[in-house]
């Protein structure tokens, strides 16, 4: 079934916005086929804008997970021996197919995750850029050679795949994060067992349909669904050599430790508390617009959301202007044109956000914009939180210590740039940060002294393009090699070094022998 037919069949079952009384089931993807699970345990996926069930996701059985893994293992034998050019060709085709189906992928993301259609297209685009970078795999996977390291001796290195790998993806980027994982893994010659978030499975399943259409052999990528049992299966299976994870602190630390104890490589992107430092010489209008977008876009559900602002000196006078901009943002269902802020992912997430806002108030922060009581006409059952701003926050408060993961901006105040840098460097997270200034010397000082893996200068969300790598540090990351870029290639490969000796004196003929052979 083509992606268009797959989406069409789903649409007929779901209605205009997808709400039949009996929601369709999400399939497993094993050995190139979409397979109905035989499980007795199912997870309902709700549209965050309506609270209506849009699909049911299986908790894959142990036998189903073993079948998927065995398929990966068998596929590795032939896939790893395919030419690098044939793997490159599949990426070329996948890139074109994703472009052609970007709109349909975005619609599914909005339905399951809630983000606006424009943001959902951005989700797909940033993943597509990783696929495009993987099209350069013949150059990215080149080894090194030194001739004549000794007389008649050469040494060269080969960049080899690991085997079966696994990916565990989060809910906030249903297309981008899986595309951080499986394209890099398989173009380097590995196979992958992928577990998308059980809250947003649809985009991954659509990508598997496109991967089939691109000509990827069966078993190279398999998809299972589930929660704790699926995670433990991935961490424990000896056939799996490396695990990629993006998600919460609790899960990330658990996966890093459990998979690591079982001898696996792990790259684990976890929580964040990204600070924006606003100096008084910054371009005021541009800075405030960027702050509002980076804090409240995607309903704050980005690991690189600029959730914390530190206003330095005279810049503190701009805070009322920021509130005014935040008040103008339109909160609505993601598919409604003109929406700026969609719903958060679940009712439980909304409740936690409310609790963290209230904790800030109780600990002495000023609630200068409260979005907790917002109601969206026509979507009264949705999980909405309006833009919220807490000012006069201190580092000792719970709302500062914990990642809120919602449309909430907390504001701290500092007298000097040195004080602001100290605040950022004292925070345990190190995913990203940004400074807003027109002073080159101040920007340079900030870049040199700040302890965070990704730094923006007048750029609020400094996520690198795939020719670089996503380089969160400190409490935001565990592992040795980061996602995508050169580090991503290193994570999914190992180096084999060959030293060979062919003595020149062993050359027996300098020209063709035409005489009758004789015994000597």
Protein backbone atom coordinates (compact mmCIF):
# COMPACT_ATOMS: atom_id res chain seq x y z
CA UNK A 1 0.00 0.00 0.00
CA UNK A 2 1.47 3.39 -0.96
CA UNK A 3 1.68 6.18 1.60
CA UNK A 4 -1.15 8.02 -0.13
CA UNK A 5 -3.39 4.95 0.04
CA UNK A 6 -2.30 4.28 3.62
CA UNK A 7 -3.28 7.80 4.66
CA UNK A 8 -6.49 7.60 2.66
CA UNK A 9 -7.54 4.38 4.36
CA UNK A 10 -6.81 5.93 7.73
CA UNK A 11 -8.78 9.04 6.84
CA UNK A 12 -11.83 7.00 5.86
CA UNK A 13 -11.71 5.23 9.21
CA UNK A 14 -11.12 8.40 11.17
CA UNK A 15 -13.36 10.96 9.51
CA UNK A 16 -12.47 14.57 8.83
CA UNK A 17 -10.43 15.03 12.03
CA UNK A 18 -10.28 11.39 12.86
CA UNK A 19 -12.84 10.37 15.39
CA UNK A 20 -14.64 7.12 14.62
CA UNK A 21 -16.00 5.23 17.59
CA UNK A 22 -13.61 2.35 16.92
CA UNK A 23 -10.13 3.80 16.35
CA UNK A 24 -7.80 1.93 14.01
CA UNK A 25 -4.80 0.07 15.36
CA UNK A 26 -1.19 0.95 14.69
CA UNK A 27 0.76 -1.93 13.19
CA UNK A 28 4.20 -3.30 13.87
CA UNK A 29 6.69 -3.13 10.99
CA UNK A 30 8.68 -6.34 10.67
CA UNK A 31 10.63 -7.66 7.70
CA UNK A 32 9.23 -5.04 5.35
CA UNK A 33 5.58 -5.72 6.25
CA UNK A 34 2.98 -3.99 8.43
CA UNK A 35 1.90 -6.61 10.94
CA UNK A 36 -1.09 -6.62 13.30
CA UNK A 37 0.08 -7.33 16.84
CA UNK A 38 -1.32 -10.30 18.74
CA UNK A 39 -0.99 -8.51 22.06
CA UNK A 40 -3.77 -8.14 24.61
CA UNK A 41 -2.39 -4.78 25.82
CA UNK A 42 -3.10 -1.58 23.91
CA UNK A 43 -2.39 2.13 24.47
CA UNK A 44 -4.92 4.74 23.33
CA UNK A 45 -3.44 7.71 21.47
CA UNK A 46 -5.47 10.90 21.91
CA UNK A 47 -5.58 13.99 19.73
CA UNK A 48 -4.33 16.60 22.23
CA UNK A 49 -6.69 19.23 20.79
CA UNK A 50 -9.85 17.17 21.29
CA UNK A 51 -9.04 14.35 23.74
CA UNK A 52 -10.50 11.91 21.18
CA UNK A 53 -8.78 8.57 20.51
CA UNK A 54 -7.18 8.55 17.06
CA UNK A 55 -5.38 5.20 17.13
CA UNK A 56 -4.52 2.32 19.44
CA UNK A 57 -0.88 1.28 19.84
CA UNK A 58 0.11 -2.28 20.77
CA UNK A 59 2.50 -3.24 23.51
CA UNK A 60 4.45 -5.72 21.41
CA UNK A 61 4.77 -9.20 22.86
CA UNK A 62 8.13 -10.75 23.67
CA UNK A 63 7.77 -13.11 20.70
CA UNK A 64 7.03 -10.19 18.36
CA UNK A 65 10.07 -8.28 19.58
CA UNK A 66 12.25 -11.37 19.19
CA UNK A 67 10.94 -11.88 15.67
CA UNK A 68 11.75 -8.27 14.77
CA UNK A 69 15.24 -8.55 16.23
CA UNK A 70 15.95 -11.81 14.40
CA UNK A 71 14.85 -10.14 11.18
CA UNK A 72 17.33 -7.31 11.86
CA UNK A 73 20.09 -9.81 12.60
CA UNK A 74 19.55 -11.77 9.38
CA UNK A 75 19.28 -8.62 7.27
CA UNK A 76 22.60 -7.31 8.59
CA UNK A 77 24.57 -10.10 6.90
CA UNK A 78 23.59 -9.01 3.41
CA UNK A 79 22.95 -5.31 4.07
CA UNK A 80 26.42 -4.69 5.52
CA UNK A 81 27.94 -6.17 2.35
CA UNK A 82 25.95 -4.01 -0.03
CA UNK A 83 27.98 -1.35 -1.75
CA UNK A 84 28.07 2.07 -0.16
CA UNK A 85 26.72 3.44 -3.45
CA UNK A 86 23.60 1.26 -3.26
CA UNK A 87 22.92 2.49 0.28
CA UNK A 88 23.44 6.05 -0.94
CA UNK A 89 20.88 5.53 -3.71
CA UNK A 90 18.24 4.50 -1.19
CA UNK A 91 18.85 7.74 0.73
CA UNK A 92 18.47 9.75 -2.48
CA UNK A 93 15.10 8.10 -3.09
CA UNK A 94 13.98 8.46 0.53
CA UNK A 95 14.88 12.15 0.47
CA UNK A 96 12.68 12.74 -2.57
CA UNK A 97 9.79 10.74 -1.13
CA UNK A 98 9.84 12.64 2.17
CA UNK A 99 9.77 15.93 0.29
CA UNK A 100 6.80 14.78 -1.78
CA UNK A 101 4.88 13.66 1.32
CA UNK A 102 5.88 16.38 3.77
CA UNK A 103 2.35 17.78 3.98
CA UNK A 104 0.77 14.43 4.83
CA UNK A 105 3.44 13.68 7.42
CA UNK A 106 2.82 17.09 9.01
CA UNK A 107 -0.94 16.49 9.19
CA UNK A 108 -0.38 13.24 11.06
CA UNK A 109 2.05 14.90 13.47
CA UNK A 110 -0.47 17.65 14.22
CA UNK A 111 -3.22 15.09 14.82
CA UNK A 112 -1.20 12.93 17.22
CA UNK A 113 1.19 15.45 18.81
CA UNK A 114 -0.77 18.72 18.61
CA UNK A 115 1.84 21.10 17.23
CA UNK A 116 0.86 23.57 14.52
CA UNK A 117 1.03 22.48 10.90
CA UNK A 118 3.84 24.94 10.21
CA UNK A 119 5.82 23.59 13.15
CA UNK A 120 5.07 20.01 12.08
CA UNK A 121 6.48 20.72 8.62
CA UNK A 122 9.58 22.10 10.32
CA UNK A 123 9.77 18.85 12.31
CA UNK A 124 9.87 16.87 9.05
CA UNK A 125 12.26 19.31 7.37
CA UNK A 126 14.90 19.11 10.09
CA UNK A 127 14.79 15.32 9.87
CA UNK A 128 14.93 15.47 6.08
CA UNK A 129 18.16 17.45 6.34
CA UNK A 130 19.78 14.49 8.11
CA UNK A 131 18.69 12.22 5.25
CA UNK A 132 20.22 14.68 2.80
CA UNK A 133 23.48 14.65 4.74
CA UNK A 134 23.49 10.85 4.66
CA UNK A 135 23.49 11.06 0.87
CA UNK A 136 27.18 11.96 1.25
CA UNK A 137 27.93 8.61 2.91
CA UNK A 138 30.67 7.55 0.43
CA UNK A 139 32.75 10.48 1.70
CA UNK A 140 31.57 10.31 5.32
CA UNK A 141 32.56 6.65 5.72
CA UNK A 142 36.01 6.86 4.20
CA UNK A 143 38.92 5.39 6.12
CA UNK A 144 42.56 6.47 6.14
CA UNK A 145 45.74 5.12 4.57
CA UNK A 146 49.44 5.57 5.18
CA UNK A 147 51.71 3.88 2.67
CA UNK A 148 55.21 2.66 3.60
CA UNK A 149 54.89 2.92 7.37
CA UNK A 150 57.86 0.57 7.22
CA UNK A 151 59.67 -1.02 4.31
CA UNK A 152 57.11 -2.81 2.10
CA UNK A 153 54.44 -2.24 4.77
CA UNK A 154 51.20 -0.22 4.49
CA UNK A 155 48.53 0.58 7.11
CA UNK A 156 44.96 1.53 6.36
CA UNK A 157 41.72 1.80 8.32
CA UNK A 158 38.20 0.69 7.42
CA UNK A 159 35.07 2.31 8.88
CA UNK A 160 32.84 -0.65 9.62
CA UNK A 161 29.22 -1.01 10.83
CA UNK A 162 28.47 -2.36 14.31
CA UNK A 163 25.59 -4.74 13.58
CA UNK A 164 22.04 -4.41 14.90
CA UNK A 165 21.35 -1.04 16.51
CA UNK A 166 18.26 0.38 18.24
CA UNK A 167 16.52 3.73 18.55
CA UNK A 168 14.08 4.93 21.22
CA UNK A 169 12.36 8.16 20.20
CA UNK A 170 10.33 10.78 22.17
CA UNK A 171 6.90 12.32 21.56
CA UNK A 172 7.91 15.91 20.87
CA UNK A 173 9.46 15.40 17.42
CA UNK A 174 7.65 12.45 15.81
CA UNK A 175 9.54 12.67 12.49
CA UNK A 176 12.77 14.52 13.22
CA UNK A 177 14.16 12.27 15.95
CA UNK A 178 13.56 8.94 14.17
CA UNK A 179 15.24 10.59 11.17
CA UNK A 180 18.20 11.46 13.39
CA UNK A 181 18.53 7.74 14.05
CA UNK A 182 17.72 5.21 11.36
CA UNK A 183 19.13 6.98 8.25
CA UNK A 184 22.57 7.38 9.85
CA UNK A 185 22.49 3.84 11.23
CA UNK A 186 21.55 2.10 8.00
CA UNK A 187 23.63 4.14 5.56
CA UNK A 188 26.70 3.13 7.56
CA UNK A 189 25.72 -0.52 7.04
CA UNK A 190 23.86 -1.32 10.27
CA UNK A 191 20.30 -2.47 10.76
CA UNK A 192 17.96 -0.85 13.30
CA UNK A 193 15.16 -1.85 15.66
CA UNK A 194 13.19 1.35 16.20
CA UNK A 195 10.70 2.12 18.98
CA UNK A 196 8.85 5.39 18.40
CA UNK A 197 7.01 7.06 21.25
CA UNK A 198 3.79 5.21 21.98
CA UNK A 199 2.07 8.62 22.00
CA UNK A 200 2.96 9.54 18.39
CA UNK A 201 3.57 6.41 16.28
CA UNK A 202 2.04 7.59 13.01
CA UNK A 203 4.92 9.56 11.50
CA UNK A 204 7.35 6.69 12.00
CA UNK A 205 4.96 4.24 10.33
CA UNK A 206 4.58 6.59 7.36
CA UNK A 207 8.36 6.86 7.11
CA UNK A 208 8.57 3.07 7.00
CA UNK A 209 6.18 3.02 4.07
CA UNK A 210 8.40 5.53 2.30
CA UNK A 211 11.50 3.51 3.16
CA UNK A 212 9.90 0.47 1.54
CA UNK A 213 9.10 2.53 -1.53
CA UNK A 214 12.72 3.74 -1.66
CA UNK A 215 13.83 0.13 -2.06
CA UNK A 216 15.28 -0.58 1.37
CA UNK A 217 15.47 -4.39 1.84
CA UNK A 218 13.20 -6.11 4.39
CA UNK A 219 14.57 -6.33 7.92
CA UNK A 220 16.98 -3.41 7.64
CA UNK A 221 14.64 -1.28 9.80
CA UNK A 222 11.96 -2.90 11.98
CA UNK A 223 9.53 -1.07 14.28
CA UNK A 224 8.13 -2.27 17.58
CA UNK A 225 5.82 -0.44 19.98
CA UNK A 226 5.44 -0.42 23.73
CA UNK A 227 6.65 1.06 26.96
CA UNK A 228 8.89 -0.37 29.71
CA UNK A 229 9.06 -3.95 28.42
CA UNK A 230 10.10 -2.78 24.97
CA UNK A 231 12.79 -0.51 26.44
CA UNK A 232 14.13 -3.31 28.63
CA UNK A 233 14.16 -5.69 25.67
CA UNK A 234 16.31 -3.24 23.70
CA UNK A 235 18.65 -2.62 26.63
CA UNK A 236 19.13 -6.34 27.36
CA UNK A 237 19.21 -8.06 23.94
CA UNK A 238 22.83 -9.09 23.30
CA UNK A 239 22.35 -8.83 19.53
CA UNK A 240 21.89 -5.04 19.81
CA UNK A 241 25.25 -3.26 19.80
CA UNK A 242 24.23 0.39 20.19
CA UNK A 243 21.22 2.33 21.49
CA UNK A 244 20.17 5.88 20.59
CA UNK A 245 17.76 7.64 22.94
CA UNK A 246 16.13 11.08 23.16
CA UNK A 247 13.74 11.89 26.00
CA UNK A 248 13.43 12.61 29.70
CA UNK A 249 16.15 12.56 32.35
CA UNK A 250 14.69 9.59 34.20
CA UNK A 251 14.40 7.38 31.13
CA UNK A 252 17.70 8.57 29.67
CA UNK A 253 19.73 7.77 32.76
CA UNK A 254 18.02 4.40 33.12
CA UNK A 255 18.69 3.41 29.50
CA UNK A 256 22.28 4.63 29.62
CA UNK A 257 23.01 2.59 32.73
CA UNK A 258 21.11 -0.58 31.83
CA UNK A 259 22.26 -0.75 28.22
CA UNK A 260 25.79 0.26 29.21
CA UNK A 261 26.00 -2.56 31.77
CA UNK A 262 25.13 -4.92 28.94
CA UNK A 263 28.11 -3.69 26.91
CA UNK A 264 26.26 -1.45 24.45
CA UNK A 265 27.20 1.91 23.12
CA UNK A 266 24.65 4.52 24.18
CA UNK A 267 23.95 8.10 23.12
CA UNK A 268 21.35 9.62 25.42
CA UNK A 269 19.94 13.12 24.89
CA UNK A 270 18.02 14.13 28.00
CA UNK A 271 16.57 17.19 29.72
CA UNK A 272 17.48 20.85 29.43
CA UNK A 273 17.08 24.28 30.94
CA UNK A 274 18.13 26.61 28.17
CA UNK A 275 18.87 30.21 29.11
CA UNK A 276 18.64 33.32 26.96
CA UNK A 277 20.78 36.22 28.16
CA UNK A 278 19.40 39.63 27.17
CA UNK A 279 21.79 42.58 27.25
CA UNK A 280 20.53 46.15 27.11
CA UNK A 281 22.38 46.87 23.85
CA UNK A 282 20.47 44.13 21.99
CA UNK A 283 18.05 44.91 19.17
CA UNK A 284 14.96 45.19 21.36
CA UNK A 285 12.20 44.39 18.87
CA UNK A 286 13.99 41.45 17.28
CA UNK A 287 15.09 40.06 20.64
CA UNK A 288 11.63 40.12 22.21
CA UNK A 289 10.05 38.53 19.13
CA UNK A 290 12.64 35.76 19.14
CA UNK A 291 12.22 35.18 22.88
CA UNK A 292 8.46 34.79 22.55
CA UNK A 293 8.81 32.37 19.66
CA UNK A 294 11.52 30.27 21.29
CA UNK A 295 9.74 30.09 24.66
CA UNK A 296 6.18 29.39 23.53
CA UNK A 297 6.54 27.80 20.10
CA UNK A 298 5.68 24.07 19.97
CA UNK A 299 3.90 24.76 23.30
CA UNK A 300 7.35 24.79 24.91
CA UNK A 301 7.79 21.07 24.22
CA UNK A 302 11.28 21.30 22.73
CA UNK A 303 14.48 20.15 24.38
CA UNK A 304 15.98 23.34 22.95
CA UNK A 305 13.11 25.65 23.97
CA UNK A 306 14.41 28.89 25.45
CA UNK A 307 12.55 28.36 28.70
CA UNK A 308 14.61 30.71 30.88
CA UNK A 309 15.42 34.37 30.25
CA UNK A 310 18.04 36.31 32.17
CA UNK A 311 17.54 40.07 31.73
CA UNK A 312 20.72 42.00 32.47
CA UNK A 313 20.70 45.57 33.84
CA UNK A 314 18.60 48.07 31.90
CA UNK A 315 17.15 45.28 29.72
CA UNK A 316 14.88 44.43 32.66
CA UNK A 317 12.70 47.37 31.59
CA UNK A 318 11.70 45.34 28.50
CA UNK A 319 9.83 42.67 30.47
CA UNK A 320 6.38 44.36 30.15
CA UNK A 321 6.88 44.53 26.39
CA UNK A 322 7.61 40.80 26.32
CA UNK A 323 4.39 40.12 28.23
CA UNK A 324 2.49 42.18 25.67
CA UNK A 325 3.88 40.09 22.82
CA UNK A 326 3.10 36.81 24.57
CA UNK A 327 -0.50 37.92 25.15
CA UNK A 328 -0.96 38.36 21.40
CA UNK A 329 -0.05 34.76 20.55
CA UNK A 330 -3.02 32.73 19.31
CA UNK A 331 -3.72 29.49 21.20
CA UNK A 332 -5.75 26.95 19.24
CA UNK A 333 -5.75 23.50 17.72
CA UNK A 334 -2.67 22.94 15.59
CA UNK A 335 -4.58 22.46 12.33
CA UNK A 336 -6.41 25.81 12.64
CA UNK A 337 -4.78 28.46 10.42
CA UNK A 338 -2.99 31.23 12.29
CA UNK A 339 -2.38 29.19 15.44
CA UNK A 340 0.81 30.08 17.32
CA UNK A 341 0.54 27.75 20.32
CA UNK A 342 -1.10 24.33 20.20
CA UNK A 343 -1.96 21.97 23.06
CA UNK A 344 0.49 20.02 25.20
CA UNK A 345 0.70 16.28 24.71
CA UNK A 346 -1.49 14.88 27.54
CA UNK A 347 -3.77 15.88 30.39
CA UNK A 348 -1.10 14.65 32.82
CA UNK A 349 1.48 16.91 31.20
CA UNK A 350 -0.87 19.88 31.52
CA UNK A 351 -1.45 19.10 35.19
CA UNK A 352 2.30 18.92 35.87
CA UNK A 353 2.81 22.27 34.14
CA UNK A 354 0.07 23.81 36.30
CA UNK A 355 1.73 22.41 39.43
CA UNK A 356 5.13 23.84 38.53
CA UNK A 357 3.61 27.26 37.84
CA UNK A 358 1.86 27.19 41.21
CA UNK A 359 5.06 26.10 42.96
CA UNK A 360 6.78 29.20 41.59
CA UNK A 361 4.02 31.44 42.93
CA UNK A 362 4.20 29.81 46.37
CA UNK A 363 7.99 30.23 46.47
CA UNK A 364 7.82 33.95 45.71
CA UNK A 365 7.93 34.33 41.93
CA UNK A 366 5.65 36.89 40.29
CA UNK A 367 3.08 35.43 37.90
CA UNK A 368 2.95 38.27 35.37
CA UNK A 369 1.12 36.23 32.72
CA UNK A 370 -1.08 33.25 33.63
CA UNK A 371 -2.20 30.86 30.89
CA UNK A 372 -3.66 28.12 33.07
CA UNK A 373 -7.33 29.02 32.71
CA UNK A 374 -7.40 29.31 28.94
CA UNK A 375 -10.34 27.75 27.09
CA UNK A 376 -10.32 27.29 23.33
CA UNK A 377 -13.79 27.51 21.73
CA UNK A 378 -14.64 24.31 19.92
CA UNK A 379 -11.79 22.45 21.65
CA UNK A 380 -12.83 22.67 25.29
CA UNK A 381 -11.60 19.12 25.97
CA UNK A 382 -8.10 19.81 24.61
CA UNK A 383 -4.94 19.97 26.70
CA UNK A 384 -4.22 23.67 26.34
CA UNK A 385 -1.97 25.92 28.40
CA UNK A 386 -1.62 29.54 27.34
CA UNK A 387 1.69 31.43 27.35
CA UNK A 388 2.75 31.93 30.95
CA UNK A 389 5.53 34.08 32.41
CA UNK A 390 7.00 33.86 35.91
CA UNK A 391 9.28 36.75 36.87
CA UNK A 392 11.70 37.26 39.80
CA UNK A 393 12.53 33.57 39.78
CA UNK A 394 15.60 32.40 41.73
CA UNK A 395 17.75 29.29 41.15
CA UNK A 396 16.49 27.71 44.38
CA UNK A 397 12.89 27.47 43.12
CA UNK A 398 11.43 24.22 41.87
CA UNK A 399 10.18 25.88 38.65
CA UNK A 400 13.80 26.73 37.87
CA UNK A 401 15.33 23.40 38.85
CA UNK A 402 12.94 21.24 36.84
CA UNK A 403 12.32 21.21 33.11
CA UNK A 404 8.71 22.42 32.76
CA UNK A 405 8.27 21.33 29.12
CA UNK A 406 5.35 23.64 28.46
CA UNK A 407 4.65 27.20 27.25
CA UNK A 408 6.12 28.75 30.37
CA UNK A 409 8.95 31.30 30.44
CA UNK A 410 10.72 31.94 33.72
CA UNK A 411 12.63 35.18 34.15
CA UNK A 412 15.69 35.83 36.29
CA UNK A 413 17.44 39.16 36.69
CA UNK A 414 21.17 39.90 36.76
CA UNK A 415 23.21 43.06 37.22
CA UNK A 416 26.06 42.17 34.87
CA UNK A 417 26.99 39.77 32.07
CA UNK A 418 29.37 38.00 34.48
CA UNK A 419 26.46 37.39 36.86
CA UNK A 420 24.34 36.00 34.02
CA UNK A 421 27.11 33.66 32.87
CA UNK A 422 27.48 32.43 36.44
CA UNK A 423 23.76 31.59 36.58
CA UNK A 424 23.94 29.53 33.38
CA UNK A 425 27.12 27.71 34.35
CA UNK A 426 25.72 26.85 37.79
CA UNK A 427 22.74 25.06 36.24
CA UNK A 428 23.33 21.30 35.85
CA UNK A 429 22.09 21.19 32.24
CA UNK A 430 24.17 22.06 29.20
CA UNK A 431 22.02 21.57 26.11
CA UNK A 432 21.95 25.12 24.74
CA UNK A 433 21.99 28.81 25.49
CA UNK A 434 21.85 32.14 23.67
CA UNK A 435 22.96 35.72 24.13
CA UNK A 436 21.26 38.74 22.57
CA UNK A 437 23.57 41.70 22.01
CA UNK A 438 24.99 44.06 19.39
CA UNK A 439 28.36 44.13 21.16
CA UNK A 440 30.88 41.79 19.55
CA UNK A 441 33.19 41.79 22.57
CA UNK A 442 30.33 40.81 24.90
CA UNK A 443 29.27 38.05 22.50
CA UNK A 444 32.82 36.71 22.30
CA UNK A 445 33.17 36.73 26.08
CA UNK A 446 29.89 34.83 26.41
CA UNK A 447 30.86 32.21 23.82
CA UNK A 448 34.25 31.61 25.45
CA UNK A 449 33.07 31.44 29.06
CA UNK A 450 29.69 29.73 28.84
CA UNK A 451 29.51 26.00 29.67
CA UNK A 452 26.88 24.70 27.25
CA UNK A 453 27.17 22.52 24.20
CA UNK A 454 25.24 24.69 21.73
CA UNK A 455 25.49 28.48 21.81
CA UNK A 456 23.49 31.04 19.86
CA UNK A 457 24.49 34.64 19.31
CA UNK A 458 21.24 36.43 18.47
CA UNK A 459 19.92 32.97 17.57
CA UNK A 460 17.41 31.70 20.15
CA UNK A 461 17.38 27.99 19.26
CA UNK A 462 20.91 27.14 18.04
CA UNK A 463 20.30 23.59 16.80
CA UNK A 464 23.15 22.79 14.36
CA UNK A 465 22.52 21.60 10.83
CA UNK A 466 23.51 17.99 10.10
CA UNK A 467 26.98 18.76 8.74
CA UNK A 468 27.71 19.49 12.41
CA UNK A 469 26.39 17.45 15.35
CA UNK A 470 23.84 18.05 18.13
CA UNK A 471 26.28 18.67 20.98
CA UNK A 472 24.45 19.01 24.29
CA UNK A 473 26.71 18.56 27.32
CA UNK A 474 26.77 18.07 31.09
CA UNK A 475 23.41 16.93 32.50
CA UNK A 476 21.72 17.05 29.10
CA UNK A 477 23.72 14.20 27.55
CA UNK A 478 25.28 10.88 28.39
CA UNK A 479 27.55 9.06 25.98
CA UNK A 480 30.67 9.64 23.92
CA UNK A 481 29.38 10.51 20.45
CA UNK A 482 26.49 12.85 19.68
CA UNK A 483 23.66 12.62 17.17
CA UNK A 484 24.14 13.07 13.41
CA UNK A 485 27.03 14.81 11.64
CA UNK A 486 30.54 13.39 12.00
CA UNK A 487 29.89 12.27 15.57
CA UNK A 488 26.78 10.39 14.47
CA UNK A 489 28.83 8.48 11.90
CA UNK A 490 31.36 7.60 14.60
CA UNK A 491 28.64 6.40 16.97
CA UNK A 492 27.29 3.86 14.47
CA UNK A 493 30.67 2.60 13.24
CA UNK A 494 33.88 1.03 14.44
CA UNK A 495 37.35 1.24 13.00
CA UNK A 496 39.23 -1.78 11.68
CA UNK A 497 42.92 -1.09 11.12
CA UNK A 498 44.86 -3.28 8.70
CA UNK A 499 48.63 -3.51 8.55
CA UNK A 500 49.91 -5.50 5.58
CA UNK A 501 53.37 -6.58 4.45
CA UNK A 502 54.12 -7.48 0.84
CA UNK A 503 57.88 -7.79 0.37
CA UNK A 504 59.21 -6.47 -2.88
CA UNK A 505 61.63 -9.41 -2.99
CA UNK A 506 58.65 -11.76 -3.22
CA UNK A 507 57.82 -10.50 -6.71
CA UNK A 508 58.68 -13.54 -8.84
CA UNK A 509 58.17 -12.25 -12.35
CA UNK A 510 58.98 -8.95 -13.91
CA UNK A 511 57.62 -10.04 -17.28
CA UNK A 512 55.45 -12.77 -18.72
CA UNK A 513 57.15 -16.22 -18.84
CA UNK A 514 56.66 -17.78 -22.27
CA UNK A 515 59.20 -20.61 -22.18
CA UNK A 516 58.26 -24.20 -21.39
CA UNK A 517 58.19 -24.58 -17.58
CA UNK A 518 60.95 -26.84 -16.27
CA UNK A 519 61.59 -28.28 -12.84
CA UNK A 520 64.62 -26.72 -11.14
